[in-house]
Amino acid sequence: MSALHTEKRTLLTIFTEATLEHVLIKDMDRLGIRGYTISDARGKGSRGVRDAAWDESKNIRIEIICARQQAEDLLTHLQERYYSNYAMVACCSEVEVLRPGKF
């Protein structure tokens, strides 16, 4: 059995208000992000419980696997443009991917 060939990439995870989804998609496209996954998110944080009981309290989780520099470029943009006015948290971790050409 042969060993798996993997390559390192960065997983950028963003938790934010659902109202930003469409504008963030445009931002990611403009910054060359090739793919992402968006899902609904609920939880509790510094701004209280976000339970999606009404549209204004809905959150999303965006996951992006990309090169480290792309993740840093997007994080810089998010921090400059959105952090002061919107509920948003982002984190990065190193991951190993099997199909590096997809990212």
N, C-alpha and C. Protein backbone atom coordinates (compact mmCIF):
# COMPACT_ATOMS: atom_id res chain seq x y z
N MET A 1 0.84 -1.18 0.00
CA MET A 1 0.00 0.00 0.00
C MET A 1 0.89 1.24 0.00
N SER A 2 0.61 2.18 -0.86
CA SER A 2 1.44 3.38 -0.97
C SER A 2 1.01 4.44 0.04
N ALA A 3 1.95 5.31 0.37
CA ALA A 3 1.67 6.41 1.28
C ALA A 3 0.85 7.47 0.56
N LEU A 4 0.01 8.13 1.29
CA LEU A 4 -0.78 9.22 0.72
C LEU A 4 0.11 10.44 0.49
N HIS A 5 -0.08 11.10 -0.63
CA HIS A 5 0.63 12.34 -0.91
C HIS A 5 -0.27 13.50 -0.51
N THR A 6 0.15 14.24 0.49
CA THR A 6 -0.61 15.40 0.92
C THR A 6 0.26 16.65 0.84
N GLU A 7 -0.39 17.79 0.79
CA GLU A 7 0.31 19.07 0.84
C GLU A 7 -0.39 19.96 1.86
N LYS A 8 0.38 20.86 2.45
CA LYS A 8 -0.16 21.75 3.47
C LYS A 8 -0.86 22.94 2.84
N ARG A 9 -1.98 23.26 3.42
CA ARG A 9 -2.74 24.46 3.07
C ARG A 9 -3.25 25.07 4.37
N THR A 10 -3.91 26.21 4.27
CA THR A 10 -4.49 26.88 5.44
C THR A 10 -6.00 26.76 5.38
N LEU A 11 -6.59 26.39 6.50
CA LEU A 11 -8.04 26.40 6.66
C LEU A 11 -8.39 27.67 7.40
N LEU A 12 -9.10 28.55 6.73
CA LEU A 12 -9.57 29.80 7.32
C LEU A 12 -11.05 29.61 7.61
N THR A 13 -11.43 29.80 8.87
CA THR A 13 -12.82 29.68 9.29
C THR A 13 -13.28 31.03 9.80
N ILE A 14 -14.42 31.49 9.28
CA ILE A 14 -14.97 32.79 9.65
C ILE A 14 -16.39 32.58 10.17
N PHE A 15 -16.67 33.13 11.34
CA PHE A 15 -18.02 33.15 11.89
C PHE A 15 -18.48 34.59 11.85
N THR A 16 -19.63 34.84 11.24
CA THR A 16 -20.09 36.22 11.13
C THR A 16 -21.60 36.28 10.91
N GLU A 17 -22.09 37.48 10.81
CA GLU A 17 -23.51 37.72 10.61
C GLU A 17 -23.93 37.30 9.19
N ALA A 18 -25.06 36.64 9.10
CA ALA A 18 -25.55 36.15 7.80
C ALA A 18 -25.82 37.27 6.82
N THR A 19 -26.10 38.46 7.31
CA THR A 19 -26.37 39.59 6.40
C THR A 19 -25.16 39.94 5.53
N LEU A 20 -23.98 39.50 5.93
CA LEU A 20 -22.76 39.79 5.16
C LEU A 20 -22.47 38.77 4.07
N GLU A 21 -23.24 37.70 3.99
CA GLU A 21 -22.89 36.60 3.09
C GLU A 21 -22.63 37.05 1.65
N HIS A 22 -23.54 37.79 1.08
CA HIS A 22 -23.40 38.15 -0.34
C HIS A 22 -22.21 39.08 -0.59
N VAL A 23 -21.97 40.01 0.30
CA VAL A 23 -20.84 40.92 0.11
C VAL A 23 -19.52 40.18 0.33
N LEU A 24 -19.48 39.25 1.27
CA LEU A 24 -18.26 38.48 1.50
C LEU A 24 -17.95 37.56 0.32
N ILE A 25 -18.97 37.03 -0.31
CA ILE A 25 -18.75 36.21 -1.51
C ILE A 25 -18.08 37.05 -2.60
N LYS A 26 -18.54 38.28 -2.78
CA LYS A 26 -17.92 39.18 -3.76
C LYS A 26 -16.48 39.49 -3.38
N ASP A 27 -16.25 39.73 -2.09
CA ASP A 27 -14.88 40.01 -1.62
C ASP A 27 -13.97 38.81 -1.89
N MET A 28 -14.44 37.60 -1.59
CA MET A 28 -13.63 36.41 -1.80
C MET A 28 -13.33 36.20 -3.28
N ASP A 29 -14.33 36.42 -4.13
CA ASP A 29 -14.10 36.31 -5.57
C ASP A 29 -13.05 37.30 -6.04
N ARG A 30 -13.14 38.53 -5.56
CA ARG A 30 -12.20 39.58 -5.95
C ARG A 30 -10.78 39.26 -5.48
N LEU A 31 -10.66 38.56 -4.35
CA LEU A 31 -9.35 38.21 -3.80
C LEU A 31 -8.83 36.87 -4.32
N GLY A 32 -9.55 36.26 -5.24
CA GLY A 32 -9.07 35.04 -5.89
C GLY A 32 -9.29 33.76 -5.11
N ILE A 33 -10.18 33.77 -4.15
CA ILE A 33 -10.50 32.55 -3.41
C ILE A 33 -11.25 31.62 -4.35
N ARG A 34 -10.76 30.40 -4.52
CA ARG A 34 -11.31 29.48 -5.52
C ARG A 34 -12.52 28.69 -5.04
N GLY A 35 -12.67 28.53 -3.73
CA GLY A 35 -13.79 27.76 -3.23
C GLY A 35 -14.00 28.01 -1.75
N TYR A 36 -15.19 27.74 -1.29
CA TYR A 36 -15.55 27.94 0.11
C TYR A 36 -16.80 27.13 0.41
N THR A 37 -17.05 26.93 1.69
CA THR A 37 -18.28 26.30 2.15
C THR A 37 -18.92 27.24 3.16
N ILE A 38 -20.21 27.48 3.00
CA ILE A 38 -20.95 28.34 3.92
C ILE A 38 -22.07 27.52 4.55
N SER A 39 -22.16 27.60 5.87
CA SER A 39 -23.23 26.89 6.58
C SER A 39 -23.79 27.80 7.67
N ASP A 40 -25.01 27.48 8.11
CA ASP A 40 -25.62 28.23 9.20
C ASP A 40 -24.90 27.90 10.49
N ALA A 41 -24.83 28.88 11.39
CA ALA A 41 -24.15 28.68 12.67
C ALA A 41 -24.97 29.31 13.79
N ARG A 42 -24.99 28.65 14.93
CA ARG A 42 -25.65 29.17 16.12
C ARG A 42 -24.70 29.02 17.28
N GLY A 43 -24.84 29.87 18.29
CA GLY A 43 -23.98 29.74 19.46
C GLY A 43 -24.05 30.96 20.35
N LYS A 44 -23.09 31.03 21.25
CA LYS A 44 -23.02 32.13 22.20
C LYS A 44 -21.60 32.68 22.22
N GLY A 45 -21.49 33.98 22.27
CA GLY A 45 -20.19 34.62 22.32
C GLY A 45 -20.28 35.95 23.06
N SER A 46 -19.34 36.82 22.79
CA SER A 46 -19.27 38.10 23.49
C SER A 46 -20.48 38.99 23.23
N ARG A 47 -21.17 38.74 22.15
CA ARG A 47 -22.37 39.54 21.83
C ARG A 47 -23.65 38.81 22.22
N GLY A 48 -23.52 37.76 23.03
CA GLY A 48 -24.70 37.04 23.52
C GLY A 48 -25.02 35.82 22.67
N VAL A 49 -26.23 35.31 22.88
CA VAL A 49 -26.68 34.12 22.15
C VAL A 49 -27.12 34.52 20.76
N ARG A 50 -26.65 33.78 19.76
CA ARG A 50 -27.06 33.98 18.37
C ARG A 50 -27.78 32.70 17.97
N ASP A 51 -29.11 32.69 18.12
CA ASP A 51 -29.86 31.46 17.92
C ASP A 51 -30.66 31.41 16.63
N ALA A 52 -30.55 32.43 15.79
CA ALA A 52 -31.24 32.48 14.50
C ALA A 52 -32.75 32.51 14.65
N ALA A 53 -33.24 33.01 15.78
CA ALA A 53 -34.68 33.10 15.99
C ALA A 53 -35.32 34.10 15.01
N TRP A 54 -34.57 35.08 14.56
CA TRP A 54 -35.03 35.99 13.52
C TRP A 54 -33.85 36.33 12.63
N ASP A 55 -34.12 36.87 11.46
CA ASP A 55 -33.06 37.09 10.46
C ASP A 55 -31.87 37.88 10.99
N GLU A 56 -32.12 38.87 11.84
CA GLU A 56 -31.05 39.72 12.34
C GLU A 56 -30.09 38.97 13.27
N SER A 57 -30.48 37.80 13.75
CA SER A 57 -29.59 37.07 14.68
C SER A 57 -28.99 35.83 14.04
N LYS A 58 -29.11 35.69 12.73
CA LYS A 58 -28.53 34.53 12.06
C LYS A 58 -27.04 34.74 11.85
N ASN A 59 -26.31 33.67 12.04
CA ASN A 59 -24.86 33.66 11.79
C ASN A 59 -24.55 32.62 10.73
N ILE A 60 -23.40 32.79 10.10
CA ILE A 60 -22.90 31.81 9.14
C ILE A 60 -21.48 31.44 9.51
N ARG A 61 -21.07 30.30 9.02
CA ARG A 61 -19.69 29.82 9.17
C ARG A 61 -19.16 29.64 7.75
N ILE A 62 -18.07 30.30 7.44
CA ILE A 62 -17.44 30.18 6.13
C ILE A 62 -16.12 29.45 6.32
N GLU A 63 -15.91 28.39 5.56
CA GLU A 63 -14.66 27.65 5.62
C GLU A 63 -13.99 27.70 4.26
N ILE A 64 -12.71 28.06 4.27
CA ILE A 64 -11.94 28.22 3.05
C ILE A 64 -10.62 27.47 3.22
N ILE A 65 -10.28 26.64 2.25
CA ILE A 65 -8.96 26.03 2.22
C ILE A 65 -8.19 26.70 1.09
N CYS A 66 -7.05 27.29 1.44
CA CYS A 66 -6.30 28.07 0.45
C CYS A 66 -4.84 28.17 0.88
N ALA A 67 -4.05 28.86 0.08
CA ALA A 67 -2.66 29.15 0.45
C ALA A 67 -2.65 30.13 1.61
N ARG A 68 -1.61 30.05 2.44
CA ARG A 68 -1.50 30.90 3.62
C ARG A 68 -1.60 32.39 3.26
N GLN A 69 -0.94 32.81 2.19
CA GLN A 69 -0.96 34.22 1.82
C GLN A 69 -2.37 34.69 1.46
N GLN A 70 -3.15 33.85 0.78
CA GLN A 70 -4.53 34.22 0.48
C GLN A 70 -5.34 34.38 1.76
N ALA A 71 -5.15 33.47 2.71
CA ALA A 71 -5.87 33.57 3.98
C ALA A 71 -5.50 34.87 4.69
N GLU A 72 -4.22 35.20 4.71
CA GLU A 72 -3.78 36.43 5.37
C GLU A 72 -4.31 37.67 4.67
N ASP A 73 -4.35 37.64 3.34
CA ASP A 73 -4.90 38.78 2.59
C ASP A 73 -6.38 38.98 2.91
N LEU A 74 -7.13 37.88 2.95
CA LEU A 74 -8.56 37.98 3.27
C LEU A 74 -8.75 38.44 4.71
N LEU A 75 -7.97 37.92 5.64
CA LEU A 75 -8.08 38.34 7.04
C LEU A 75 -7.79 39.83 7.20
N THR A 76 -6.79 40.32 6.51
CA THR A 76 -6.47 41.75 6.56
C THR A 76 -7.65 42.57 6.06
N HIS A 77 -8.23 42.14 4.95
CA HIS A 77 -9.40 42.84 4.39
C HIS A 77 -10.56 42.82 5.37
N LEU A 78 -10.85 41.67 5.95
CA LEU A 78 -11.97 41.55 6.90
C LEU A 78 -11.75 42.46 8.10
N GLN A 79 -10.54 42.47 8.61
CA GLN A 79 -10.24 43.28 9.78
C GLN A 79 -10.41 44.77 9.47
N GLU A 80 -9.92 45.19 8.32
CA GLU A 80 -10.01 46.61 7.95
C GLU A 80 -11.44 47.04 7.63
N ARG A 81 -12.20 46.16 7.02
CA ARG A 81 -13.52 46.53 6.50
C ARG A 81 -14.69 46.23 7.45
N TYR A 82 -14.63 45.12 8.19
CA TYR A 82 -15.82 44.64 8.90
C TYR A 82 -15.70 44.52 10.42
N TYR A 83 -14.51 44.29 10.92
CA TYR A 83 -14.37 43.94 12.34
C TYR A 83 -14.97 44.98 13.29
N SER A 84 -14.85 46.25 13.01
CA SER A 84 -15.32 47.27 13.95
C SER A 84 -16.84 47.42 13.97
N ASN A 85 -17.53 46.94 12.95
CA ASN A 85 -18.98 47.16 12.87
C ASN A 85 -19.84 45.91 12.85
N TYR A 86 -19.25 44.74 12.78
CA TYR A 86 -20.02 43.50 12.68
C TYR A 86 -19.47 42.46 13.64
N ALA A 87 -20.36 41.55 14.04
CA ALA A 87 -19.91 40.41 14.83
C ALA A 87 -19.15 39.49 13.88
N MET A 88 -17.87 39.29 14.15
CA MET A 88 -17.05 38.47 13.26
C MET A 88 -15.86 37.92 14.03
N VAL A 89 -15.62 36.64 13.86
CA VAL A 89 -14.47 35.98 14.44
C VAL A 89 -13.87 35.10 13.35
N ALA A 90 -12.55 35.07 13.27
CA ALA A 90 -11.89 34.25 12.25
C ALA A 90 -10.70 33.54 12.88
N CYS A 91 -10.40 32.36 12.37
CA CYS A 91 -9.23 31.62 12.85
C CYS A 91 -8.64 30.82 11.69
N CYS A 92 -7.36 30.55 11.80
CA CYS A 92 -6.63 29.79 10.79
C CYS A 92 -6.00 28.56 11.43
N SER A 93 -5.91 27.51 10.65
CA SER A 93 -5.18 26.33 11.07
C SER A 93 -4.55 25.69 9.85
N GLU A 94 -3.47 24.96 10.08
CA GLU A 94 -2.80 24.27 8.99
C GLU A 94 -3.48 22.92 8.79
N VAL A 95 -3.75 22.59 7.54
CA VAL A 95 -4.35 21.31 7.20
C VAL A 95 -3.54 20.65 6.09
N GLU A 96 -3.73 19.36 5.94
CA GLU A 96 -3.10 18.63 4.84
C GLU A 96 -4.20 18.18 3.90
N VAL A 97 -4.01 18.43 2.61
CA VAL A 97 -5.04 18.11 1.62
C VAL A 97 -4.52 17.05 0.66
N LEU A 98 -5.43 16.25 0.14
CA LEU A 98 -5.08 15.19 -0.79
C LEU A 98 -5.06 15.66 -2.25
N ARG A 99 -5.84 16.63 -2.58
CA ARG A 99 -5.91 17.11 -3.96
C ARG A 99 -5.50 18.57 -4.00
N PRO A 100 -4.21 18.87 -3.86
CA PRO A 100 -3.76 20.26 -3.71
C PRO A 100 -4.11 21.14 -4.90
N GLY A 101 -4.26 20.61 -6.08
CA GLY A 101 -4.61 21.41 -7.23
C GLY A 101 -5.97 22.05 -7.14
N LYS A 102 -6.83 21.55 -6.27
CA LYS A 102 -8.16 22.12 -6.10
C LYS A 102 -8.14 23.40 -5.26
N PHE A 103 -7.02 23.66 -4.58
CA PHE A 103 -6.95 24.78 -3.67
C PHE A 103 -5.90 25.76 -4.13
